[in-house]
PDB file of N, CA and C in Angstrom:
ATOM      1  N   MET A   1      47.114  42.116 -61.432  1.00  0.00           N
ATOM      2  CA  MET A   1      46.656  42.762 -62.651  1.00  0.00           C
ATOM      3  C   MET A   1      45.131  42.284 -62.757  1.00  0.00           C
ATOM      4  N   SER A   2      44.423  43.522 -63.001  1.00  0.00           N
ATOM      5  CA  SER A   2      42.946  43.201 -63.066  1.00  0.00           C
ATOM      6  C   SER A   2      42.531  42.679 -64.310  1.00  0.00           C
ATOM      7  N   ILE A   3      41.210  41.964 -64.466  1.00  0.00           N
ATOM      8  CA  ILE A   3      40.579  41.541 -65.880  1.00  0.00           C
ATOM      9  C   ILE A   3      39.705  42.575 -66.267  1.00  0.00           C
ATOM     10  N   GLU A   4      40.039  42.874 -67.723  1.00  0.00           N
ATOM     11  CA  GLU A   4      39.213  43.866 -68.226  1.00  0.00           C
ATOM     12  C   GLU A   4      37.672  43.504 -68.658  1.00  0.00           C
ATOM     13  N   HIS A   5      36.668  43.931 -67.862  1.00  0.00           N
ATOM     14  CA  HIS A   5      35.290  43.441 -68.251  1.00  0.00           C
ATOM     15  C   HIS A   5      34.472  44.194 -69.035  1.00  0.00           C
ATOM     16  N   ARG A   6      34.699  45.503 -69.414  1.00  0.00           N
ATOM     17  CA  ARG A   6      34.142  46.614 -69.983  1.00  0.00           C
ATOM     18  C   ARG A   6      34.098  46.280 -71.434  1.00  0.00           C
ATOM     19  N   GLN A   7      33.089  46.776 -72.221  1.00  0.00           N
ATOM     20  CA  GLN A   7      32.878  46.609 -73.535  1.00  0.00           C
ATOM     21  C   GLN A   7      32.826  48.225 -74.181  1.00  0.00           C
ATOM     22  N   GLY A   8      33.361  48.289 -75.348  1.00  0.00           N
ATOM     23  CA  GLY A   8      33.048  49.537 -76.083  1.00  0.00           C
ATOM     24  C   GLY A   8      33.920  50.533 -75.571  1.00  0.00           C
ATOM     25  N   ASP A   9      33.821  51.666 -76.453  1.00  0.00           N
ATOM     26  CA  ASP A   9      34.703  52.816 -76.101  1.00  0.00           C
ATOM     27  C   ASP A   9      34.191  53.675 -75.064  1.00  0.00           C
ATOM     28  N   ARG A  10      35.074  53.985 -74.021  1.00  0.00           N
ATOM     29  CA  ARG A  10      34.557  54.718 -72.843  1.00  0.00           C
ATOM     30  C   ARG A  10      34.876  56.157 -73.026  1.00  0.00           C
ATOM     31  N   HIS A  11      33.882  57.198 -72.464  1.00  0.00           N
ATOM     32  CA  HIS A  11      34.149  58.498 -72.840  1.00  0.00           C
ATOM     33  C   HIS A  11      34.131  59.165 -71.381  1.00  0.00           C
ATOM     34  N   SER A  12      35.116  59.878 -70.905  1.00  0.00           N
ATOM     35  CA  SER A  12      35.040  60.447 -69.669  1.00  0.00           C
ATOM     36  C   SER A  12      34.279  61.647 -69.691  1.00  0.00           C
ATOM     37  N   VAL A  13      33.169  61.568 -68.803  1.00  0.00           N
ATOM     38  CA  VAL A  13      32.303  62.774 -68.755  1.00  0.00           C
ATOM     39  C   VAL A  13      31.712  62.836 -67.569  1.00  0.00           C
ATOM     40  N   TYR A  14      31.677  63.788 -66.795  1.00  0.00           N
ATOM     41  CA  TYR A  14      31.067  64.296 -65.528  1.00  0.00           C
ATOM     42  C   TYR A  14      29.797  65.131 -65.394  1.00  0.00           C
ATOM     43  N   LEU A  15      28.676  64.200 -65.035  1.00  0.00           N
ATOM     44  CA  LEU A  15      27.486  64.854 -65.080  1.00  0.00           C
ATOM     45  C   LEU A  15      26.697  64.288 -63.890  1.00  0.00           C
ATOM     46  N   ALA A  16      25.633  65.272 -63.443  1.00  0.00           N
ATOM     47  CA  ALA A  16      25.044  64.852 -62.432  1.00  0.00           C
ATOM     48  C   ALA A  16      23.904  63.776 -62.509  1.00  0.00           C
ATOM     49  N   ALA A  17      23.812  62.882 -61.766  1.00  0.00           N
ATOM     50  CA  ALA A  17      23.098  61.666 -61.839  1.00  0.00           C
ATOM     51  C   ALA A  17      22.393  61.288 -60.509  1.00  0.00           C
ATOM     52  N   GLU A  18      21.193  60.288 -60.778  1.00  0.00           N
ATOM     53  CA  GLU A  18      20.606  59.875 -59.584  1.00  0.00           C
ATOM     54  C   GLU A  18      20.524  58.406 -59.821  1.00  0.00           C
ATOM     55  N   LEU A  19      20.790  57.555 -58.693  1.00  0.00           N
ATOM     56  CA  LEU A  19      20.432  56.200 -58.746  1.00  0.00           C
ATOM     57  C   LEU A  19      18.899  55.788 -58.254  1.00  0.00           C
ATOM     58  N   VAL A  20      18.136  55.328 -58.946  1.00  0.00           N
ATOM     59  CA  VAL A  20      16.781  55.045 -58.316  1.00  0.00           C
ATOM     60  C   VAL A  20      16.482  53.419 -58.165  1.00  0.00           C
ATOM     61  N   ALA A  21      16.554  53.042 -56.960  1.00  0.00           N
ATOM     62  CA  ALA A  21      16.194  51.571 -56.847  1.00  0.00           C
ATOM     63  C   ALA A  21      14.856  51.373 -56.314  1.00  0.00           C
ATOM     64  N   GLU A  22      14.312  50.508 -56.782  1.00  0.00           N
ATOM     65  CA  GLU A  22      12.836  50.247 -56.268  1.00  0.00           C
ATOM     66  C   GLU A  22      12.570  50.219 -54.698  1.00  0.00           C
ATOM     67  N   GLY A  23      11.826  51.183 -54.312  1.00  0.00           N
ATOM     68  CA  GLY A  23      11.337  51.259 -52.975  1.00  0.00           C
ATOM     69  C   GLY A  23      12.284  52.071 -52.064  1.00  0.00           C
ATOM     70  N   THR A  24      13.169  52.824 -52.781  1.00  0.00           N
ATOM     71  CA  THR A  24      14.279  53.743 -51.731  1.00  0.00           C
ATOM     72  C   THR A  24      14.121  55.196 -52.722  1.00  0.00           C
ATOM     73  N   ALA A  25      14.555  56.006 -51.944  1.00  0.00           N
ATOM     74  CA  ALA A  25      14.631  57.327 -52.297  1.00  0.00           C
ATOM     75  C   ALA A  25      15.949  57.400 -53.369  1.00  0.00           C
ATOM     76  N   PRO A  26      15.859  58.237 -54.426  1.00  0.00           N
ATOM     77  CA  PRO A  26      16.955  58.686 -55.287  1.00  0.00           C
ATOM     78  C   PRO A  26      18.206  58.931 -54.440  1.00  0.00           C
ATOM     79  N   ARG A  27      19.092  58.526 -54.922  1.00  0.00           N
ATOM     80  CA  ARG A  27      20.549  58.743 -54.345  1.00  0.00           C
ATOM     81  C   ARG A  27      21.460  59.439 -55.280  1.00  0.00           C
ATOM     82  N   THR A  28      22.063  60.333 -54.906  1.00  0.00           N
ATOM     83  CA  THR A  28      22.928  61.186 -55.854  1.00  0.00           C
ATOM     84  C   THR A  28      24.263  60.556 -56.232  1.00  0.00           C
ATOM     85  N   ALA A  29      24.503  60.898 -57.350  1.00  0.00           N
ATOM     86  CA  ALA A  29      25.857  60.232 -58.140  1.00  0.00           C
ATOM     87  C   ALA A  29      26.453  61.297 -59.159  1.00  0.00           C
ATOM     88  N   ILE A  30      27.424  61.029 -59.401  1.00  0.00           N
ATOM     89  CA  ILE A  30      28.112  61.850 -60.787  1.00  0.00           C
ATOM     90  C   ILE A  30      28.638  60.453 -61.615  1.00  0.00           C
ATOM     91  N   THR A  31      28.385  60.955 -63.093  1.00  0.00           N
ATOM     92  CA  THR A  31      28.942  60.007 -63.987  1.00  0.00           C
ATOM     93  C   THR A  31      30.644  60.230 -64.038  1.00  0.00           C
ATOM     94  N   LYS A  32      31.463  59.163 -64.407  1.00  0.00           N
ATOM     95  CA  LYS A  32      32.776  59.180 -64.404  1.00  0.00           C
ATOM     96  C   LYS A  32      33.056  59.127 -66.220  1.00  0.00           C
ATOM     97  N   ASN A  33      32.345  57.884 -66.424  1.00  0.00           N
ATOM     98  CA  ASN A  33      32.690  57.466 -67.949  1.00  0.00           C
ATOM     99  C   ASN A  33      31.524  56.642 -68.311  1.00  0.00           C
ATOM    100  N   ILE A  34      31.353  56.718 -69.747  1.00  0.00           N
ATOM    101  CA  ILE A  34      30.298  55.827 -70.277  1.00  0.00           C
ATOM    102  C   ILE A  34      30.487  55.425 -71.608  1.00  0.00           C
ATOM    103  N   SER A  35      29.807  54.191 -71.798  1.00  0.00           N
ATOM    104  CA  SER A  35      29.834  53.540 -73.067  1.00  0.00           C
ATOM    105  C   SER A  35      28.750  53.220 -73.738  1.00  0.00           C
ATOM    106  N   GLU A  36      28.247  52.498 -74.685  1.00  0.00           N
ATOM    107  CA  GLU A  36      26.922  52.234 -75.248  1.00  0.00           C
ATOM    108  C   GLU A  36      26.476  51.048 -74.091  1.00  0.00           C
ATOM    109  N   PHE A  37      27.359  50.296 -73.534  1.00  0.00           N
ATOM    110  CA  PHE A  37      26.887  49.335 -72.675  1.00  0.00           C
ATOM    111  C   PHE A  37      26.822  49.518 -71.244  1.00  0.00           C
ATOM    112  N   GLY A  38      27.195  50.553 -70.702  1.00  0.00           N
ATOM    113  CA  GLY A  38      27.253  51.070 -69.231  1.00  0.00           C
ATOM    114  C   GLY A  38      28.041  52.221 -68.810  1.00  0.00           C
ATOM    115  N   LEU A  39      28.280  52.455 -67.730  1.00  0.00           N
ATOM    116  CA  LEU A  39      28.800  53.598 -66.917  1.00  0.00           C
ATOM    117  C   LEU A  39      29.360  53.443 -65.851  1.00  0.00           C
ATOM    118  N   LEU A  40      30.365  54.120 -65.309  1.00  0.00           N
ATOM    119  CA  LEU A  40      31.084  54.067 -64.050  1.00  0.00           C
ATOM    120  C   LEU A  40      30.486  55.278 -63.356  1.00  0.00           C
ATOM    121  N   LEU A  41      30.185  55.371 -62.098  1.00  0.00           N
ATOM    122  CA  LEU A  41      29.649  56.553 -61.574  1.00  0.00           C
ATOM    123  C   LEU A  41      30.386  56.565 -60.029  1.00  0.00           C
ATOM    124  N   LEU A  42      30.287  57.892 -59.442  1.00  0.00           N
ATOM    125  CA  LEU A  42      30.791  58.107 -58.236  1.00  0.00           C
ATOM    126  C   LEU A  42      29.406  58.480 -57.204  1.00  0.00           C
ATOM    127  N   THR A  43      29.497  57.610 -56.084  1.00  0.00           N
ATOM    128  CA  THR A  43      28.119  57.645 -55.141  1.00  0.00           C
ATOM    129  C   THR A  43      28.560  57.480 -53.765  1.00  0.00           C
ATOM    130  N   ARG A  44      27.589  57.994 -52.998  1.00  0.00           N
ATOM    131  CA  ARG A  44      27.613  57.361 -51.494  1.00  0.00           C
ATOM    132  C   ARG A  44      26.657  56.238 -51.475  1.00  0.00           C
ATOM    133  N   ALA A  45      25.923  56.077 -52.348  1.00  0.00           N
ATOM    134  CA  ALA A  45      24.939  54.884 -52.325  1.00  0.00           C
ATOM    135  C   ALA A  45      25.822  53.453 -52.125  1.00  0.00           C
ATOM    136  N   ASN A  46      25.188  52.630 -51.455  1.00  0.00           N
ATOM    137  CA  ASN A  46      25.652  51.412 -50.862  1.00  0.00           C
ATOM    138  C   ASN A  46      24.591  50.277 -51.726  1.00  0.00           C
ATOM    139  N   LEU A  47      24.732  50.024 -52.865  1.00  0.00           N
ATOM    140  CA  LEU A  47      23.684  48.975 -53.506  1.00  0.00           C
ATOM    141  C   LEU A  47      24.442  47.983 -53.703  1.00  0.00           C
ATOM    142  N   ASN A  48      23.838  46.811 -54.028  1.00  0.00           N
ATOM    143  CA  ASN A  48      24.223  45.258 -54.245  1.00  0.00           C
ATOM    144  C   ASN A  48      24.431  44.874 -55.580  1.00  0.00           C
ATOM    145  N   CYS A  49      25.602  44.216 -55.793  1.00  0.00           N
ATOM    146  CA  CYS A  49      25.737  43.863 -57.156  1.00  0.00           C
ATOM    147  C   CYS A  49      24.444  42.915 -57.668  1.00  0.00           C
ATOM    148  N   GLY A  50      24.174  43.305 -59.015  1.00  0.00           N
ATOM    149  CA  GLY A  50      22.785  42.534 -59.473  1.00  0.00           C
ATOM    150  C   GLY A  50      21.715  43.120 -59.088  1.00  0.00           C
ATOM    151  N   GLU A  51      21.640  44.236 -58.344  1.00  0.00           N
ATOM    152  CA  GLU A  51      20.329  45.193 -58.203  1.00  0.00           C
ATOM    153  C   GLU A  51      20.016  46.036 -59.265  1.00  0.00           C
ATOM    154  N   SER A  52      18.697  45.834 -59.573  1.00  0.00           N
ATOM    155  CA  SER A  52      18.230  46.654 -60.759  1.00  0.00           C
ATOM    156  C   SER A  52      17.827  48.146 -60.306  1.00  0.00           C
ATOM    157  N   VAL A  53      18.373  48.995 -61.115  1.00  0.00           N
ATOM    158  CA  VAL A  53      18.488  50.359 -60.712  1.00  0.00           C
ATOM    159  C   VAL A  53      17.953  51.219 -61.944  1.00  0.00           C
ATOM    160  N   VAL A  54      17.605  52.307 -61.946  1.00  0.00           N
ATOM    161  CA  VAL A  54      17.317  53.333 -62.991  1.00  0.00           C
ATOM    162  C   VAL A  54      18.314  54.308 -62.729  1.00  0.00           C
ATOM    163  N   VAL A  55      19.212  54.662 -63.589  1.00  0.00           N
ATOM    164  CA  VAL A  55      20.189  56.066 -63.472  1.00  0.00           C
ATOM    165  C   VAL A  55      19.480  56.877 -64.419  1.00  0.00           C
ATOM    166  N   LYS A  56      19.302  58.086 -63.501  1.00  0.00           N
ATOM    167  CA  LYS A  56      18.895  59.347 -64.292  1.00  0.00           C
ATOM    168  C   LYS A  56      19.710  60.377 -64.378  1.00  0.00           C
ATOM    169  N   ILE A  57      20.426  60.657 -65.599  1.00  0.00           N
ATOM    170  CA  ILE A  57      21.458  61.476 -65.862  1.00  0.00           C
ATOM    171  C   ILE A  57      20.848  62.874 -66.315  1.00  0.00           C
ATOM    172  N   TYR A  58      21.554  63.778 -65.715  1.00  0.00           N
ATOM    173  CA  TYR A  58      21.007  65.424 -66.308  1.00  0.00           C
ATOM    174  C   TYR A  58      21.980  65.885 -67.129  1.00  0.00           C
ATOM    175  N   PRO A  59      21.736  66.028 -68.331  1.00  0.00           N
ATOM    176  CA  PRO A  59      22.610  66.615 -69.154  1.00  0.00           C
ATOM    177  C   PRO A  59      22.678  68.067 -69.178  1.00  0.00           C
ATOM    178  N   PRO A  60      23.843  68.693 -69.356  1.00  0.00           N
ATOM    179  CA  PRO A  60      23.959  70.293 -69.222  1.00  0.00           C
ATOM    180  C   PRO A  60      22.911  71.046 -70.177  1.00  0.00           C
ATOM    181  N   GLY A  61      22.307  72.144 -69.680  1.00  0.00           N
ATOM    182  CA  GLY A  61      21.538  73.142 -70.471  1.00  0.00           C
ATOM    183  C   GLY A  61      20.230  72.904 -70.382  1.00  0.00           C
ATOM    184  N   ASP A  62      19.777  71.758 -69.893  1.00  0.00           N
ATOM    185  CA  ASP A  62      18.252  71.640 -69.812  1.00  0.00           C
ATOM    186  C   ASP A  62      18.257  70.775 -68.319  1.00  0.00           C
ATOM    187  N   GLU A  63      18.074  71.500 -67.214  1.00  0.00           N
ATOM    188  CA  GLU A  63      18.176  71.122 -65.882  1.00  0.00           C
ATOM    189  C   GLU A  63      16.724  70.265 -65.595  1.00  0.00           C
ATOM    190  N   MET A  64      15.644  70.410 -66.501  1.00  0.00           N
ATOM    191  CA  MET A  64      14.420  69.758 -66.211  1.00  0.00           C
ATOM    192  C   MET A  64      14.470  68.519 -67.150  1.00  0.00           C
ATOM    193  N   ARG A  65      15.445  68.128 -67.803  1.00  0.00           N
ATOM    194  CA  ARG A  65      15.459  66.820 -68.682  1.00  0.00           C
ATOM    195  C   ARG A  65      16.517  66.035 -68.214  1.00  0.00           C
ATOM    196  N   SER A  66      15.941  64.634 -67.982  1.00  0.00           N
ATOM    197  CA  SER A  66      16.818  63.599 -67.336  1.00  0.00           C
ATOM    198  C   SER A  66      16.867  62.529 -68.605  1.00  0.00           C
ATOM    199  N   VAL A  67      17.969  61.850 -68.550  1.00  0.00           N
ATOM    200  CA  VAL A  67      17.959  60.426 -69.402  1.00  0.00           C
ATOM    201  C   VAL A  67      17.902  59.401 -68.601  1.00  0.00           C
ATOM    202  N   ASP A  68      17.021  58.664 -68.703  1.00  0.00           N
ATOM    203  CA  ASP A  68      16.591  57.572 -67.639  1.00  0.00           C
ATOM    204  C   ASP A  68      16.809  56.414 -68.315  1.00  0.00           C
ATOM    205  N   VAL A  69      17.824  55.607 -67.664  1.00  0.00           N
ATOM    206  CA  VAL A  69      18.428  54.215 -68.337  1.00  0.00           C
ATOM    207  C   VAL A  69      18.331  53.095 -67.159  1.00  0.00           C
ATOM    208  N   PRO A  70      17.419  52.095 -67.543  1.00  0.00           N
ATOM    209  CA  PRO A  70      17.461  51.061 -66.609  1.00  0.00           C
ATOM    210  C   PRO A  70      18.686  49.810 -66.761  1.00  0.00           C
ATOM    211  N   GLY A  71      19.147  49.476 -65.726  1.00  0.00           N
ATOM    212  CA  GLY A  71      20.259  48.427 -65.724  1.00  0.00           C
ATOM    213  C   GLY A  71      20.537  47.668 -64.460  1.00  0.00           C
ATOM    214  N   LYS A  72      21.520  47.357 -64.318  1.00  0.00           N
ATOM    215  CA  LYS A  72      22.002  46.712 -62.992  1.00  0.00           C
ATOM    216  C   LYS A  72      23.477  47.064 -62.583  1.00  0.00           C
ATOM    217  N   VAL A  73      23.521  46.852 -61.231  1.00  0.00           N
ATOM    218  CA  VAL A  73      24.816  47.107 -60.507  1.00  0.00           C
ATOM    219  C   VAL A  73      25.736  45.817 -60.781  1.00  0.00           C
ATOM    220  N   VAL A  74      26.853  46.178 -61.497  1.00  0.00           N
ATOM    221  CA  VAL A  74      27.673  45.080 -61.630  1.00  0.00           C
ATOM    222  C   VAL A  74      28.924  45.203 -60.916  1.00  0.00           C
ATOM    223  N   ARG A  75      29.380  46.076 -60.196  1.00  0.00           N
ATOM    224  CA  ARG A  75      30.546  46.208 -59.459  1.00  0.00           C
ATOM    225  C   ARG A  75      30.284  47.402 -58.568  1.00  0.00           C
ATOM    226  N   LEU A  76      30.483  47.251 -57.194  1.00  0.00           N
ATOM    227  CA  LEU A  76      30.710  48.529 -56.394  1.00  0.00           C
ATOM    228  C   LEU A  76      32.036  48.218 -55.388  1.00  0.00           C
ATOM    229  N   GLU A  77      32.830  49.352 -55.436  1.00  0.00           N
ATOM    230  CA  GLU A  77      34.034  49.251 -54.809  1.00  0.00           C
ATOM    231  C   GLU A  77      34.065  50.626 -54.099  1.00  0.00           C
ATOM    232  N   GLU A  78      34.779  50.443 -52.808  1.00  0.00           N
ATOM    233  CA  GLU A  78      35.013  51.466 -51.887  1.00  0.00           C
ATOM    234  C   GLU A  78      36.034  52.315 -52.505  1.00  0.00           C
ATOM    235  N   LEU A  79      35.873  53.797 -52.391  1.00  0.00           N
ATOM    236  CA  LEU A  79      37.097  54.396 -52.852  1.00  0.00           C
ATOM    237  C   LEU A  79      38.142  54.348 -52.009  1.00  0.00           C
ATOM    238  N   ALA A  80      39.745  54.583 -52.488  1.00  0.00           N
ATOM    239  CA  ALA A  80      40.547  54.545 -51.460  1.00  0.00           C
ATOM    240  C   ALA A  80      40.656  55.844 -50.913  1.00  0.00           C
ATOM    241  N   ASP A  81      41.116  55.815 -49.405  1.00  0.00           N
ATOM    242  CA  ASP A  81      41.047  57.204 -48.650  1.00  0.00           C
ATOM    243  C   ASP A  81      41.454  58.383 -49.270  1.00  0.00           C
ATOM    244  N   GLU A  82      42.473  58.488 -50.302  1.00  0.00           N
ATOM    245  CA  GLU A  82      42.921  59.498 -50.873  1.00  0.00           C
ATOM    246  C   GLU A  82      42.088  60.045 -52.046  1.00  0.00           C
ATOM    247  N   GLU A  83      41.027  58.904 -52.296  1.00  0.00           N
ATOM    248  CA  GLU A  83      40.162  59.366 -53.403  1.00  0.00           C
ATOM    249  C   GLU A  83      38.722  59.915 -52.833  1.00  0.00           C
ATOM    250  N   LYS A  84      38.633  59.768 -51.668  1.00  0.00           N
ATOM    251  CA  LYS A  84      37.341  60.119 -51.026  1.00  0.00           C
ATOM    252  C   LYS A  84      37.267  61.424 -51.025  1.00  0.00           C
ATOM    253  N   GLY A  85      36.196  62.060 -51.167  1.00  0.00           N
ATOM    254  CA  GLY A  85      35.477  63.512 -50.887  1.00  0.00           C
ATOM    255  C   GLY A  85      34.284  63.257 -50.389  1.00  0.00           C
ATOM    256  N   ILE A  86      33.355  63.748 -51.031  1.00  0.00           N
ATOM    257  CA  ILE A  86      32.067  63.672 -50.800  1.00  0.00           C
ATOM    258  C   ILE A  86      31.602  62.218 -51.209  1.00  0.00           C
ATOM    259  N   TRP A  87      31.987  61.373 -52.180  1.00  0.00           N
ATOM    260  CA  TRP A  87      31.941  60.080 -52.754  1.00  0.00           C
ATOM    261  C   TRP A  87      32.532  59.153 -52.050  1.00  0.00           C
ATOM    262  N   ARG A  88      32.070  57.935 -51.666  1.00  0.00           N
ATOM    263  CA  ARG A  88      32.295  56.719 -51.011  1.00  0.00           C
ATOM    264  C   ARG A  88      32.743  55.595 -51.927  1.00  0.00           C
ATOM    265  N   HIS A  89      31.953  55.514 -53.061  1.00  0.00           N
ATOM    266  CA  HIS A  89      31.981  54.261 -53.841  1.00  0.00           C
ATOM    267  C   HIS A  89      32.275  54.759 -55.304  1.00  0.00           C
ATOM    268  N   LYS A  90      33.005  53.736 -56.019  1.00  0.00           N
ATOM    269  CA  LYS A  90      32.678  53.545 -57.485  1.00  0.00           C
ATOM    270  C   LYS A  90      31.691  52.741 -57.865  1.00  0.00           C
ATOM    271  N   LEU A  91      30.827  52.965 -58.712  1.00  0.00           N
ATOM    272  CA  LEU A  91      29.725  51.894 -58.985  1.00  0.00           C
ATOM    273  C   LEU A  91      29.636  51.758 -60.408  1.00  0.00           C
ATOM    274  N   ALA A  92      29.949  50.376 -60.974  1.00  0.00           N
ATOM    275  CA  ALA A  92      29.829  50.255 -62.432  1.00  0.00           C
ATOM    276  C   ALA A  92      28.351  49.587 -62.794  1.00  0.00           C
ATOM    277  N   PHE A  93      28.042  50.042 -63.751  1.00  0.00           N
ATOM    278  CA  PHE A  93      26.581  49.961 -64.067  1.00  0.00           C
ATOM    279  C   PHE A  93      26.374  49.413 -65.228  1.00  0.00           C
ATOM    280  N   ALA A  94      25.647  48.514 -65.730  1.00  0.00           N
ATOM    281  CA  ALA A  94      25.518  47.796 -67.012  1.00  0.00           C
ATOM    282  C   ALA A  94      24.244  48.134 -67.528  1.00  0.00           C
ATOM    283  N   PHE A  95      23.802  48.616 -68.767  1.00  0.00           N
ATOM    284  CA  PHE A  95      22.703  49.047 -69.156  1.00  0.00           C
ATOM    285  C   PHE A  95      21.766  47.679 -69.551  1.00  0.00           C
ATOM    286  N   ASP A  96      20.558  47.552 -69.563  1.00  0.00           N
ATOM    287  CA  ASP A  96      19.829  46.479 -69.832  1.00  0.00           C
ATOM    288  C   ASP A  96      19.909  46.018 -71.259  1.00  0.00           C
ATOM    289  N   LYS A  97      20.020  47.168 -72.105  1.00  0.00           N
ATOM    290  CA  LYS A  97      20.343  47.059 -73.621  1.00  0.00           C
ATOM    291  C   LYS A  97      21.342  48.188 -74.051  1.00  0.00           C
ATOM    292  N   PRO A  98      22.029  47.928 -75.015  1.00  0.00           N
ATOM    293  CA  PRO A  98      22.922  48.915 -75.295  1.00  0.00           C
ATOM    294  C   PRO A  98      22.163  50.001 -75.676  1.00  0.00           C
ATOM    295  N   GLN A  99      23.189  51.403 -75.421  1.00  0.00           N
ATOM    296  CA  GLN A  99      22.521  52.591 -75.736  1.00  0.00           C
ATOM    297  C   GLN A  99      23.430  53.662 -76.496  1.00  0.00           C
ATOM    298  N   PRO A 100      23.667  53.244 -77.812  1.00  0.00           N
ATOM    299  CA  PRO A 100      24.415  53.893 -78.746  1.00  0.00           C
ATOM    300  C   PRO A 100      24.319  55.456 -78.774  1.00  0.00           C
ATOM    301  N   ASP A 101      22.955  55.721 -78.916  1.00  0.00           N
ATOM    302  CA  ASP A 101      22.693  57.079 -79.053  1.00  0.00           C
ATOM    303  C   ASP A 101      23.043  57.816 -77.670  1.00  0.00           C
ATOM    304  N   ILE A 102      22.757  57.542 -76.643  1.00  0.00           N
ATOM    305  CA  ILE A 102      23.068  58.006 -75.478  1.00  0.00           C
ATOM    306  C   ILE A 102      24.705  58.153 -75.336  1.00  0.00           C
ATOM    307  N   ALA A 103      25.486  57.006 -75.670  1.00  0.00           N
ATOM    308  CA  ALA A 103      26.715  57.080 -75.550  1.00  0.00           C
ATOM    309  C   ALA A 103      27.162  58.377 -76.494  1.00  0.00           C
ATOM    310  N   GLN A 104      26.742  58.412 -77.815  1.00  0.00           N
ATOM    311  CA  GLN A 104      27.034  59.384 -78.821  1.00  0.00           C
ATOM    312  C   GLN A 104      27.183  60.887 -78.200  1.00  0.00           C
ATOM    313  N   GLU A 105      25.835  60.957 -77.467  1.00  0.00           N
ATOM    314  CA  GLU A 105      25.598  62.262 -76.968  1.00  0.00           C
ATOM    315  C   GLU A 105      26.400  62.667 -75.750  1.00  0.00           C
ATOM    316  N   PHE A 106      26.756  61.836 -74.896  1.00  0.00           N
ATOM    317  CA  PHE A 106      27.468  62.078 -73.946  1.00  0.00           C
ATOM    318  C   PHE A 106      29.029  62.150 -74.397  1.00  0.00           C
ATOM    319  N   LYS A 107      29.442  61.574 -75.698  1.00  0.00           N
ATOM    320  CA  LYS A 107      30.825  61.722 -76.177  1.00  0.00           C
ATOM    321  C   LYS A 107      30.792  63.279 -76.396  1.00  0.00           C
ATOM    322  N   GLU A 108      29.773  63.632 -76.976  1.00  0.00           N
ATOM    323  CA  GLU A 108      29.907  65.154 -77.301  1.00  0.00           C
ATOM    324  C   GLU A 108      30.187  65.846 -76.185  1.00  0.00           C
ATOM    325  N   PHE A 109      29.458  65.597 -75.288  1.00  0.00           N
ATOM    326  CA  PHE A 109      29.699  66.328 -73.834  1.00  0.00           C
ATOM    327  C   PHE A 109      31.035  66.230 -73.267  1.00  0.00           C
ATOM    328  N   ALA A 110      31.488  64.930 -73.317  1.00  0.00           N
ATOM    329  CA  ALA A 110      32.963  64.806 -72.896  1.00  0.00           C
ATOM    330  C   ALA A 110      34.002  65.599 -73.665  1.00  0.00           C
ATOM    331  N   VAL A 111      33.786  65.714 -75.076  1.00  0.00           N
ATOM    332  CA  VAL A 111      34.454  66.661 -75.598  1.00  0.00           C
ATOM    333  C   VAL A 111      34.443  68.169 -75.378  1.00  0.00           C
ATOM    334  N   GLU A 112      33.353  68.603 -75.134  1.00  0.00           N
ATOM    335  CA  GLU A 112      33.344  69.903 -74.703  1.00  0.00           C
ATOM    336  C   GLU A 112      33.795  70.247 -73.156  1.00  0.00           C
ATOM    337  N   GLN A 113      33.864  69.015 -72.294  1.00  0.00           N
ATOM    338  CA  GLN A 113      34.266  69.285 -70.975  1.00  0.00           C
ATOM    339  C   GLN A 113      35.927  69.180 -71.101  1.00  0.00           C
ATOM    340  N   ALA A 114      36.235  68.466 -71.981  1.00  0.00           N
ATOM    341  CA  ALA A 114      37.849  68.380 -72.331  1.00  0.00           C
ATOM    342  C   ALA A 114      38.427  69.627 -72.450  1.00  0.00           C
ATOM    343  N   LYS A 115      37.583  70.243 -73.620  1.00  0.00           N
ATOM    344  CA  LYS A 115      38.023  71.651 -74.181  1.00  0.00           C
ATOM    345  C   LYS A 115      38.075  72.721 -72.851  1.00  0.00           C
ATOM    346  N   LEU A 116      37.029  72.554 -71.959  1.00  0.00           N
ATOM    347  CA  LEU A 116      37.134  73.697 -70.883  1.00  0.00           C
ATOM    348  C   LEU A 116      37.963  73.445 -69.769  1.00  0.00           C
ATOM    349  N   ASN A 117      38.594  71.947 -69.675  1.00  0.00           N
ATOM    350  CA  ASN A 117      39.562  71.856 -68.768  1.00  0.00           C
ATOM    351  C   ASN A 117      41.059  71.804 -69.315  1.00  0.00           C
ATOM    352  N   ALA A 118      41.146  72.092 -70.584  1.00  0.00           N
ATOM    353  CA  ALA A 118      42.372  72.241 -71.321  1.00  0.00           C
ATOM    354  C   ALA A 118      42.937  73.489 -71.055  1.00  0.00           C
ATOM    355  N   PRO A 119      44.141  73.679 -70.710  1.00  0.00           N
ATOM    356  CA  PRO A 119      44.919  75.052 -70.432  1.00  0.00           C
ATOM    357  C   PRO A 119      44.535  75.956 -71.696  1.00  0.00           C
ATOM    358  N   ALA A 120      44.658  77.223 -71.560  1.00  0.00           N
ATOM    359  CA  ALA A 120      44.064  78.117 -72.386  1.00  0.00           C
ATOM    360  C   ALA A 120      44.621  78.198 -73.734  1.00  0.00           C
ATOM    361  N   ARG A 121      45.983  77.751 -73.623  1.00  0.00           N
ATOM    362  CA  ARG A 121      46.675  77.863 -75.091  1.00  0.00           C
ATOM    363  C   ARG A 121      46.140  76.813 -76.134  1.00  0.00           C
ATOM    364  N   GLU A 122      45.651  75.616 -75.473  1.00  0.00           N
ATOM    365  CA  GLU A 122      45.089  74.534 -76.126  1.00  0.00           C
ATOM    366  C   GLU A 122      43.781  74.696 -76.475  1.00  0.00           C
ATOM    367  N   ARG A 123      42.898  75.590 -76.004  1.00  0.00           N
ATOM    368  CA  ARG A 123      41.544  75.863 -76.336  1.00  0.00           C
ATOM    369  C   ARG A 123      41.597  76.718 -77.471  1.00  0.00           C
ATOM    370  N   ARG A 124      42.679  77.305 -78.158  1.00  0.00           N
ATOM    371  CA  ARG A 124      42.374  78.357 -79.104  1.00  0.00           C
ATOM    372  C   ARG A 124      42.170  77.421 -80.471  1.00  0.00           C
TER     373      ARG A 124
END
């Protein structure tokens, strides 16, 4: 049984993202869930726990806008073979300071994504 380390309500939302560590090229990722304290991403990047990173998240509707949030890698685990596609790792990321406004904005995106993924009869 694993110990729960996360704080705050998490919202499942899938958005394009990049991981930018000092001195390296941005690495592609996708958000999986978010809270005001951090987020979980899927990525091919192989970063170290404790490493400082800026996560650039690209909200839908404005491809030129990114939400840039500094923080640290708190966990990196390899995906199981059956979970792998283009992604290789789950990366847990803790914001340097709580981000309630970002969490609220992304919660709204999560609600919209859930509606789009619901069967047609549930969308009415």
